[in-house]
Amino acid sequence: MENIFTPEFLKEIGFKLTEEKNKCGKAIDVKTNGMTVLSWNLEGHYCTYFGEILEPNISFGIRKDADTRYAFNGYITSQDDIRMLLKMTW
């Protein structure tokens, strides 16, 4: 899947890239200097827990309190998914 985590998009949602290696990345929020951390793997999830094949997606996590607890851990397919999840977990 294409990388939707462009520097422009991250800046738009208030994050800055801190790590990027192969198909994985990590970004921290600028406003609180890392109290919210985004992480992703562009290879995504292959199937559900029940063995159902999934469409192409991106593995995505939102961690809070300086990367100590998960607010979301799953998969996404678009920048709109990220915006929605950030609103729900902010």
PDB file of N, CA and C in Angstrom:
ATOM      1  N   MET A   1       0.857  -1.183   0.000  1.00  0.00           N
ATOM      2  CA  MET A   1       0.000   0.000   0.000  1.00  0.00           C
ATOM      3  C   MET A   1       0.897   1.239   0.000  1.00  0.00           C
ATOM      4  N   GLU A   2       0.430   2.291  -0.647  1.00  0.00           N
ATOM      5  CA  GLU A   2       1.229   3.512  -0.734  1.00  0.00           C
ATOM      6  C   GLU A   2       1.344   4.189   0.635  1.00  0.00           C
ATOM      7  N   ASN A   3       2.421   4.938   0.817  1.00  0.00           N
ATOM      8  CA  ASN A   3       2.665   5.624   2.082  1.00  0.00           C
ATOM      9  C   ASN A   3       1.797   6.887   2.166  1.00  0.00           C
ATOM     10  N   ILE A   4       0.802   6.864   3.037  1.00  0.00           N
ATOM     11  CA  ILE A   4      -0.072   8.029   3.213  1.00  0.00           C
ATOM     12  C   ILE A   4       0.465   8.969   4.283  1.00  0.00           C
ATOM     13  N   PHE A   5       1.572   8.603   4.907  1.00  0.00           N
ATOM     14  CA  PHE A   5       2.160   9.401   5.988  1.00  0.00           C
ATOM     15  C   PHE A   5       3.216  10.351   5.439  1.00  0.00           C
ATOM     16  N   THR A   6       2.794  11.242   4.566  1.00  0.00           N
ATOM     17  CA  THR A   6       3.712  12.218   3.982  1.00  0.00           C
ATOM     18  C   THR A   6       4.044  13.287   5.018  1.00  0.00           C
ATOM     19  N   PRO A   7       5.189  13.954   4.868  1.00  0.00           N
ATOM     20  CA  PRO A   7       5.514  15.047   5.795  1.00  0.00           C
ATOM     21  C   PRO A   7       4.436  16.131   5.832  1.00  0.00           C
ATOM     22  N   GLU A   8       3.829  16.414   4.697  1.00  0.00           N
ATOM     23  CA  GLU A   8       2.783  17.436   4.638  1.00  0.00           C
ATOM     24  C   GLU A   8       1.558  17.012   5.446  1.00  0.00           C
ATOM     25  N   PHE A   9       1.157  15.745   5.290  1.00  0.00           N
ATOM     26  CA  PHE A   9       0.003  15.250   6.034  1.00  0.00           C
ATOM     27  C   PHE A   9       0.288  15.236   7.529  1.00  0.00           C
ATOM     28  N   LEU A  10       1.446  14.748   7.931  1.00  0.00           N
ATOM     29  CA  LEU A  10       1.792  14.719   9.356  1.00  0.00           C
ATOM     30  C   LEU A  10       1.778  16.127   9.943  1.00  0.00           C
ATOM     31  N   LYS A  11       2.325  17.088   9.216  1.00  0.00           N
ATOM     32  CA  LYS A  11       2.318  18.485   9.696  1.00  0.00           C
ATOM     33  C   LYS A  11       0.884  19.002   9.823  1.00  0.00           C
ATOM     34  N   GLU A  12       0.054  18.669   8.846  1.00  0.00           N
ATOM     35  CA  GLU A  12      -1.351  19.100   8.857  1.00  0.00           C
ATOM     36  C   GLU A  12      -2.088  18.612  10.109  1.00  0.00           C
ATOM     37  N   ILE A  13      -1.802  17.381  10.544  1.00  0.00           N
ATOM     38  CA  ILE A  13      -2.500  16.837  11.711  1.00  0.00           C
ATOM     39  C   ILE A  13      -1.737  17.083  13.014  1.00  0.00           C
ATOM     40  N   GLY A  14      -0.612  17.824  12.944  1.00  0.00           N
ATOM     41  CA  GLY A  14       0.106  18.224  14.148  1.00  0.00           C
ATOM     42  C   GLY A  14       1.156  17.246  14.643  1.00  0.00           C
ATOM     43  N   PHE A  15       1.743  16.466  13.739  1.00  0.00           N
ATOM     44  CA  PHE A  15       2.754  15.481  14.114  1.00  0.00           C
ATOM     45  C   PHE A  15       4.031  15.699  13.327  1.00  0.00           C
ATOM     46  N   LYS A  16       5.135  15.174  13.868  1.00  0.00           N
ATOM     47  CA  LYS A  16       6.398  15.199  13.137  1.00  0.00           C
ATOM     48  C   LYS A  16       6.999  13.799  13.128  1.00  0.00           C
ATOM     49  N   LEU A  17       7.586  13.451  12.000  1.00  0.00           N
ATOM     50  CA  LEU A  17       8.187  12.140  11.802  1.00  0.00           C
ATOM     51  C   LEU A  17       9.424  12.006  12.683  1.00  0.00           C
ATOM     52  N   THR A  18       9.530  10.899  13.413  1.00  0.00           N
ATOM     53  CA  THR A  18      10.701  10.650  14.246  1.00  0.00           C
ATOM     54  C   THR A  18      11.477   9.424  13.810  1.00  0.00           C
ATOM     55  N   GLU A  19      10.826   8.495  13.132  1.00  0.00           N
ATOM     56  CA  GLU A  19      11.470   7.274  12.656  1.00  0.00           C
ATOM     57  C   GLU A  19      10.829   6.834  11.357  1.00  0.00           C
ATOM     58  N   GLU A  20      11.653   6.350  10.454  1.00  0.00           N
ATOM     59  CA  GLU A  20      11.122   5.735   9.238  1.00  0.00           C
ATOM     60  C   GLU A  20      12.166   4.737   8.754  1.00  0.00           C
ATOM     61  N   LYS A  21      11.767   3.480   8.689  1.00  0.00           N
ATOM     62  CA  LYS A  21      12.681   2.425   8.272  1.00  0.00           C
ATOM     63  C   LYS A  21      11.887   1.401   7.479  1.00  0.00           C
ATOM     64  N   ASN A  22      12.335   1.165   6.266  1.00  0.00           N
ATOM     65  CA  ASN A  22      11.644   0.248   5.367  1.00  0.00           C
ATOM     66  C   ASN A  22      10.181   0.661   5.243  1.00  0.00           C
ATOM     67  N   LYS A  23       9.255  -0.166   5.682  1.00  0.00           N
ATOM     68  CA  LYS A  23       7.831   0.139   5.538  1.00  0.00           C
ATOM     69  C   LYS A  23       7.191   0.583   6.848  1.00  0.00           C
ATOM     70  N   CYS A  24       8.015   0.856   7.858  1.00  0.00           N
ATOM     71  CA  CYS A  24       7.508   1.246   9.188  1.00  0.00           C
ATOM     72  C   CYS A  24       7.859   2.693   9.488  1.00  0.00           C
ATOM     73  N   GLY A  25       7.052   3.324  10.338  1.00  0.00           N
ATOM     74  CA  GLY A  25       7.327   4.692  10.729  1.00  0.00           C
ATOM     75  C   GLY A  25       6.731   5.027  12.073  1.00  0.00           C
ATOM     76  N   LYS A  26       7.186   6.165  12.607  1.00  0.00           N
ATOM     77  CA  LYS A  26       6.700   6.643  13.897  1.00  0.00           C
ATOM     78  C   LYS A  26       6.716   8.164  13.869  1.00  0.00           C
ATOM     79  N   ALA A  27       5.706   8.774  14.486  1.00  0.00           N
ATOM     80  CA  ALA A  27       5.615  10.231  14.563  1.00  0.00           C
ATOM     81  C   ALA A  27       5.076  10.618  15.933  1.00  0.00           C
ATOM     82  N   ILE A  28       5.511  11.787  16.425  1.00  0.00           N
ATOM     83  CA  ILE A  28       5.022  12.293  17.712  1.00  0.00           C
ATOM     84  C   ILE A  28       4.280  13.600  17.489  1.00  0.00           C
ATOM     85  N   ASP A  29       3.346  13.891  18.411  1.00  0.00           N
ATOM     86  CA  ASP A  29       2.610  15.146  18.262  1.00  0.00           C
ATOM     87  C   ASP A  29       3.500  16.306  18.679  1.00  0.00           C
ATOM     88  N   VAL A  30       3.374  17.395  17.948  1.00  0.00           N
ATOM     89  CA  VAL A  30       4.209  18.567  18.160  1.00  0.00           C
ATOM     90  C   VAL A  30       3.748  19.348  19.387  1.00  0.00           C
ATOM     91  N   LYS A  31       2.445  19.479  19.565  1.00  0.00           N
ATOM     92  CA  LYS A  31       1.883  20.323  20.623  1.00  0.00           C
ATOM     93  C   LYS A  31       2.336  19.894  22.016  1.00  0.00           C
ATOM     94  N   THR A  32       2.344  18.587  22.295  1.00  0.00           N
ATOM     95  CA  THR A  32       2.726  18.120  23.636  1.00  0.00           C
ATOM     96  C   THR A  32       4.057  17.373  23.624  1.00  0.00           C
ATOM     97  N   ASN A  33       4.809  17.499  22.521  1.00  0.00           N
ATOM     98  CA  ASN A  33       6.138  16.911  22.396  1.00  0.00           C
ATOM     99  C   ASN A  33       6.168  15.417  22.691  1.00  0.00           C
ATOM    100  N   GLY A  34       5.227  14.698  22.114  1.00  0.00           N
ATOM    101  CA  GLY A  34       5.289  13.246  22.170  1.00  0.00           C
ATOM    102  C   GLY A  34       4.357  12.548  23.126  1.00  0.00           C
ATOM    103  N   MET A  35       3.383  13.236  23.678  1.00  0.00           N
ATOM    104  CA  MET A  35       2.428  12.553  24.545  1.00  0.00           C
ATOM    105  C   MET A  35       1.504  11.648  23.729  1.00  0.00           C
ATOM    106  N   THR A  36       1.366  11.933  22.438  1.00  0.00           N
ATOM    107  CA  THR A  36       0.651  11.032  21.521  1.00  0.00           C
ATOM    108  C   THR A  36       1.637  10.584  20.451  1.00  0.00           C
ATOM    109  N   VAL A  37       1.698   9.278  20.221  1.00  0.00           N
ATOM    110  CA  VAL A  37       2.640   8.699  19.259  1.00  0.00           C
ATOM    111  C   VAL A  37       1.869   7.863  18.247  1.00  0.00           C
ATOM    112  N   LEU A  38       2.138   8.106  16.973  1.00  0.00           N
ATOM    113  CA  LEU A  38       1.557   7.300  15.899  1.00  0.00           C
ATOM    114  C   LEU A  38       2.628   6.333  15.397  1.00  0.00           C
ATOM    115  N   SER A  39       2.236   5.109  15.112  1.00  0.00           N
ATOM    116  CA  SER A  39       3.165   4.155  14.502  1.00  0.00           C
ATOM    117  C   SER A  39       2.423   3.387  13.420  1.00  0.00           C
ATOM    118  N   TRP A  40       3.155   2.956  12.393  1.00  0.00           N
ATOM    119  CA  TRP A  40       2.508   2.271  11.286  1.00  0.00           C
ATOM    120  C   TRP A  40       3.467   1.306  10.602  1.00  0.00           C
ATOM    121  N   ASN A  41       2.858   0.368   9.903  1.00  0.00           N
ATOM    122  CA  ASN A  41       3.567  -0.591   9.063  1.00  0.00           C
ATOM    123  C   ASN A  41       2.757  -0.693   7.779  1.00  0.00           C
ATOM    124  N   LEU A  42       3.352  -0.292   6.680  1.00  0.00           N
ATOM    125  CA  LEU A  42       2.636  -0.242   5.409  1.00  0.00           C
ATOM    126  C   LEU A  42       2.272  -1.619   4.862  1.00  0.00           C
ATOM    127  N   GLU A  43       2.867  -2.685   5.395  1.00  0.00           N
ATOM    128  CA  GLU A  43       2.504  -4.032   4.941  1.00  0.00           C
ATOM    129  C   GLU A  43       1.127  -4.444   5.433  1.00  0.00           C
ATOM    130  N   GLY A  44       0.652  -3.851   6.516  1.00  0.00           N
ATOM    131  CA  GLY A  44      -0.708  -4.068   6.985  1.00  0.00           C
ATOM    132  C   GLY A  44      -0.979  -5.455   7.539  1.00  0.00           C
ATOM    133  N   HIS A  45      -2.257  -5.754   7.683  1.00  0.00           N
ATOM    134  CA  HIS A  45      -2.733  -7.038   8.186  1.00  0.00           C
ATOM    135  C   HIS A  45      -3.190  -7.890   7.011  1.00  0.00           C
ATOM    136  N   TYR A  46      -2.879  -9.162   7.038  1.00  0.00           N
ATOM    137  CA  TYR A  46      -3.236 -10.073   5.949  1.00  0.00           C
ATOM    138  C   TYR A  46      -4.652 -10.615   6.113  1.00  0.00           C
ATOM    139  N   CYS A  47      -5.027 -10.958   7.364  1.00  0.00           N
ATOM    140  CA  CYS A  47      -6.351 -11.546   7.566  1.00  0.00           C
ATOM    141  C   CYS A  47      -6.879 -11.189   8.955  1.00  0.00           C
ATOM    142  N   THR A  48      -8.159 -11.418   9.164  1.00  0.00           N
ATOM    143  CA  THR A  48      -8.778 -11.164  10.462  1.00  0.00           C
ATOM    144  C   THR A  48      -8.431 -12.296  11.425  1.00  0.00           C
ATOM    145  N   TYR A  49      -8.837 -12.136  12.683  1.00  0.00           N
ATOM    146  CA  TYR A  49      -8.643 -13.201  13.671  1.00  0.00           C
ATOM    147  C   TYR A  49      -9.366 -14.481  13.271  1.00  0.00           C
ATOM    148  N   PHE A  50     -10.367 -14.348  12.428  1.00  0.00           N
ATOM    149  CA  PHE A  50     -11.159 -15.505  12.008  1.00  0.00           C
ATOM    150  C   PHE A  50     -10.692 -16.089  10.680  1.00  0.00           C
ATOM    151  N   GLY A  51      -9.550 -15.591  10.160  1.00  0.00           N
ATOM    152  CA  GLY A  51      -8.977 -16.128   8.936  1.00  0.00           C
ATOM    153  C   GLY A  51      -9.520 -15.548   7.651  1.00  0.00           C
ATOM    154  N   GLU A  52     -10.359 -14.524   7.734  1.00  0.00           N
ATOM    155  CA  GLU A  52     -10.907 -13.898   6.527  1.00  0.00           C
ATOM    156  C   GLU A  52      -9.844 -12.983   5.917  1.00  0.00           C
ATOM    157  N   ILE A  53      -9.615 -13.122   4.623  1.00  0.00           N
ATOM    158  CA  ILE A  53      -8.627 -12.318   3.918  1.00  0.00           C
ATOM    159  C   ILE A  53      -9.078 -10.854   3.887  1.00  0.00           C
ATOM    160  N   LEU A  54      -8.149  -9.931   4.154  1.00  0.00           N
ATOM    161  CA  LEU A  54      -8.451  -8.504   4.148  1.00  0.00           C
ATOM    162  C   LEU A  54      -7.947  -7.837   2.873  1.00  0.00           C
ATOM    163  N   GLU A  55      -8.611  -6.753   2.486  1.00  0.00           N
ATOM    164  CA  GLU A  55      -8.134  -5.901   1.403  1.00  0.00           C
ATOM    165  C   GLU A  55      -6.834  -5.233   1.868  1.00  0.00           C
ATOM    166  N   PRO A  56      -6.017  -4.696   0.942  1.00  0.00           N
ATOM    167  CA  PRO A  56      -4.785  -4.009   1.344  1.00  0.00           C
ATOM    168  C   PRO A  56      -5.077  -2.931   2.392  1.00  0.00           C
ATOM    169  N   ASN A  57      -4.229  -2.864   3.408  1.00  0.00           N
ATOM    170  CA  ASN A  57      -4.422  -1.909   4.502  1.00  0.00           C
ATOM    171  C   ASN A  57      -3.079  -1.577   5.134  1.00  0.00           C
ATOM    172  N   ILE A  58      -3.108  -0.735   6.153  1.00  0.00           N
ATOM    173  CA  ILE A  58      -1.909  -0.315   6.891  1.00  0.00           C
ATOM    174  C   ILE A  58      -2.129  -0.634   8.353  1.00  0.00           C
ATOM    175  N   SER A  59      -1.170  -1.324   8.974  1.00  0.00           N
ATOM    176  CA  SER A  59      -1.220  -1.532  10.427  1.00  0.00           C
ATOM    177  C   SER A  59      -0.947  -0.181  11.080  1.00  0.00           C
ATOM    178  N   PHE A  60      -1.753   0.171  12.068  1.00  0.00           N
ATOM    179  CA  PHE A  60      -1.675   1.523  12.634  1.00  0.00           C
ATOM    180  C   PHE A  60      -1.934   1.481  14.128  1.00  0.00           C
ATOM    181  N   GLY A  61      -1.164   2.266  14.858  1.00  0.00           N
ATOM    182  CA  GLY A  61      -1.365   2.361  16.294  1.00  0.00           C
ATOM    183  C   GLY A  61      -1.291   3.803  16.764  1.00  0.00           C
ATOM    184  N   ILE A  62      -2.101   4.112  17.771  1.00  0.00           N
ATOM    185  CA  ILE A  62      -2.029   5.403  18.454  1.00  0.00           C
ATOM    186  C   ILE A  62      -1.728   5.084  19.910  1.00  0.00           C
ATOM    187  N   ARG A  63      -0.618   5.631  20.401  1.00  0.00           N
ATOM    188  CA  ARG A  63      -0.251   5.417  21.799  1.00  0.00           C
ATOM    189  C   ARG A  63      -0.293   6.755  22.520  1.00  0.00           C
ATOM    190  N   LYS A  64      -0.667   6.724  23.771  1.00  0.00           N
ATOM    191  CA  LYS A  64      -0.813   7.935  24.581  1.00  0.00           C
ATOM    192  C   LYS A  64       0.179   7.923  25.741  1.00  0.00           C
ATOM    193  N   ASP A  65       0.206   9.032  26.481  1.00  0.00           N
ATOM    194  CA  ASP A  65       1.051   9.167  27.667  1.00  0.00           C
ATOM    195  C   ASP A  65       2.498   8.797  27.369  1.00  0.00           C
ATOM    196  N   ALA A  66       3.041   9.455  26.349  1.00  0.00           N
ATOM    197  CA  ALA A  66       4.445   9.274  25.953  1.00  0.00           C
ATOM    198  C   ALA A  66       4.758   7.828  25.598  1.00  0.00           C
ATOM    199  N   ASP A  67       3.870   7.207  24.836  1.00  0.00           N
ATOM    200  CA  ASP A  67       4.079   5.852  24.296  1.00  0.00           C
ATOM    201  C   ASP A  67       3.969   4.742  25.348  1.00  0.00           C
ATOM    202  N   THR A  68       3.118   4.937  26.361  1.00  0.00           N
ATOM    203  CA  THR A  68       2.990   3.912  27.404  1.00  0.00           C
ATOM    204  C   THR A  68       1.688   3.122  27.347  1.00  0.00           C
ATOM    205  N   ARG A  69       0.656   3.625  26.657  1.00  0.00           N
ATOM    206  CA  ARG A  69      -0.596   2.866  26.570  1.00  0.00           C
ATOM    207  C   ARG A  69      -1.239   3.076  25.198  1.00  0.00           C
ATOM    208  N   TYR A  70      -1.917   2.026  24.727  1.00  0.00           N
ATOM    209  CA  TYR A  70      -2.576   2.090  23.423  1.00  0.00           C
ATOM    210  C   TYR A  70      -3.935   2.761  23.523  1.00  0.00           C
ATOM    211  N   ALA A  71      -4.214   3.654  22.573  1.00  0.00           N
ATOM    212  CA  ALA A  71      -5.547   4.205  22.400  1.00  0.00           C
ATOM    213  C   ALA A  71      -6.217   3.524  21.202  1.00  0.00           C
ATOM    214  N   PHE A  72      -5.395   3.047  20.261  1.00  0.00           N
ATOM    215  CA  PHE A  72      -5.907   2.315  19.100  1.00  0.00           C
ATOM    216  C   PHE A  72      -4.799   1.416  18.574  1.00  0.00           C
ATOM    217  N   ASN A  73      -5.182   0.219  18.162  1.00  0.00           N
ATOM    218  CA  ASN A  73      -4.264  -0.705  17.519  1.00  0.00           C
ATOM    219  C   ASN A  73      -5.077  -1.536  16.535  1.00  0.00           C
ATOM    220  N   GLY A  74      -4.855  -1.317  15.245  1.00  0.00           N
ATOM    221  CA  GLY A  74      -5.638  -2.024  14.248  1.00  0.00           C
ATOM    222  C   GLY A  74      -5.143  -1.710  12.860  1.00  0.00           C
ATOM    223  N   TYR A  75      -6.063  -1.553  11.911  1.00  0.00           N
ATOM    224  CA  TYR A  75      -5.648  -1.229  10.555  1.00  0.00           C
ATOM    225  C   TYR A  75      -6.515  -0.113   9.983  1.00  0.00           C
ATOM    226  N   ILE A  76      -5.915   0.605   9.025  1.00  0.00           N
ATOM    227  CA  ILE A  76      -6.567   1.737   8.368  1.00  0.00           C
ATOM    228  C   ILE A  76      -6.349   1.617   6.865  1.00  0.00           C
ATOM    229  N   THR A  77      -7.077   2.444   6.115  1.00  0.00           N
ATOM    230  CA  THR A  77      -6.889   2.449   4.668  1.00  0.00           C
ATOM    231  C   THR A  77      -6.723   3.856   4.085  1.00  0.00           C
ATOM    232  N   SER A  78      -6.919   4.910   4.904  1.00  0.00           N
ATOM    233  CA  SER A  78      -6.847   6.261   4.351  1.00  0.00           C
ATOM    234  C   SER A  78      -6.471   7.292   5.414  1.00  0.00           C
ATOM    235  N   GLN A  79      -6.139   8.481   4.950  1.00  0.00           N
ATOM    236  CA  GLN A  79      -5.855   9.594   5.856  1.00  0.00           C
ATOM    237  C   GLN A  79      -7.111   9.996   6.637  1.00  0.00           C
ATOM    238  N   ASP A  80      -8.272   9.833   6.030  1.00  0.00           N
ATOM    239  CA  ASP A  80      -9.519  10.133   6.742  1.00  0.00           C
ATOM    240  C   ASP A  80      -9.696   9.228   7.954  1.00  0.00           C
ATOM    241  N   ASP A  81      -9.274   7.959   7.840  1.00  0.00           N
ATOM    242  CA  ASP A  81      -9.332   7.052   8.990  1.00  0.00           C
ATOM    243  C   ASP A  81      -8.481   7.592  10.135  1.00  0.00           C
ATOM    244  N   ILE A  82      -7.313   8.118   9.816  1.00  0.00           N
ATOM    245  CA  ILE A  82      -6.418   8.664  10.842  1.00  0.00           C
ATOM    246  C   ILE A  82      -7.065   9.862  11.517  1.00  0.00           C
ATOM    247  N   ARG A  83      -7.604  10.767  10.725  1.00  0.00           N
ATOM    248  CA  ARG A  83      -8.267  11.953  11.297  1.00  0.00           C
ATOM    249  C   ARG A  83      -9.404  11.554  12.243  1.00  0.00           C
ATOM    250  N   MET A  84     -10.218  10.609  11.805  1.00  0.00           N
ATOM    251  CA  MET A  84     -11.346  10.146  12.630  1.00  0.00           C
ATOM    252  C   MET A  84     -10.845   9.541  13.932  1.00  0.00           C
ATOM    253  N   LEU A  85      -9.846   8.673  13.860  1.00  0.00           N
ATOM    254  CA  LEU A  85      -9.324   8.022  15.060  1.00  0.00           C
ATOM    255  C   LEU A  85      -8.691   9.025  16.013  1.00  0.00           C
ATOM    256  N   LEU A  86      -8.007  10.019  15.481  1.00  0.00           N
ATOM    257  CA  LEU A  86      -7.416  11.038  16.360  1.00  0.00           C
ATOM    258  C   LEU A  86      -8.500  11.825  17.087  1.00  0.00           C
ATOM    259  N   LYS A  87      -9.589  12.143  16.389  1.00  0.00           N
ATOM    260  CA  LYS A  87     -10.710  12.832  17.052  1.00  0.00           C
ATOM    261  C   LYS A  87     -11.314  11.973  18.141  1.00  0.00           C
ATOM    262  N   MET A  88     -11.406  10.671  17.886  1.00  0.00           N
ATOM    263  CA  MET A  88     -12.030   9.760  18.855  1.00  0.00           C
ATOM    264  C   MET A  88     -11.125   9.483  20.060  1.00  0.00           C
ATOM    265  N   THR A  89      -9.815   9.636  19.905  1.00  0.00           N
ATOM    266  CA  THR A  89      -8.894   9.275  20.980  1.00  0.00           C
ATOM    267  C   THR A  89      -8.190  10.477  21.597  1.00  0.00           C
ATOM    268  N   TRP A  90      -8.449  11.672  21.115  1.00  0.00           N
ATOM    269  CA  TRP A  90      -7.727  12.849  21.595  1.00  0.00           C
ATOM    270  C   TRP A  90      -8.015  13.144  23.002  1.00  0.00           C
TER     271      TRP A  90
END
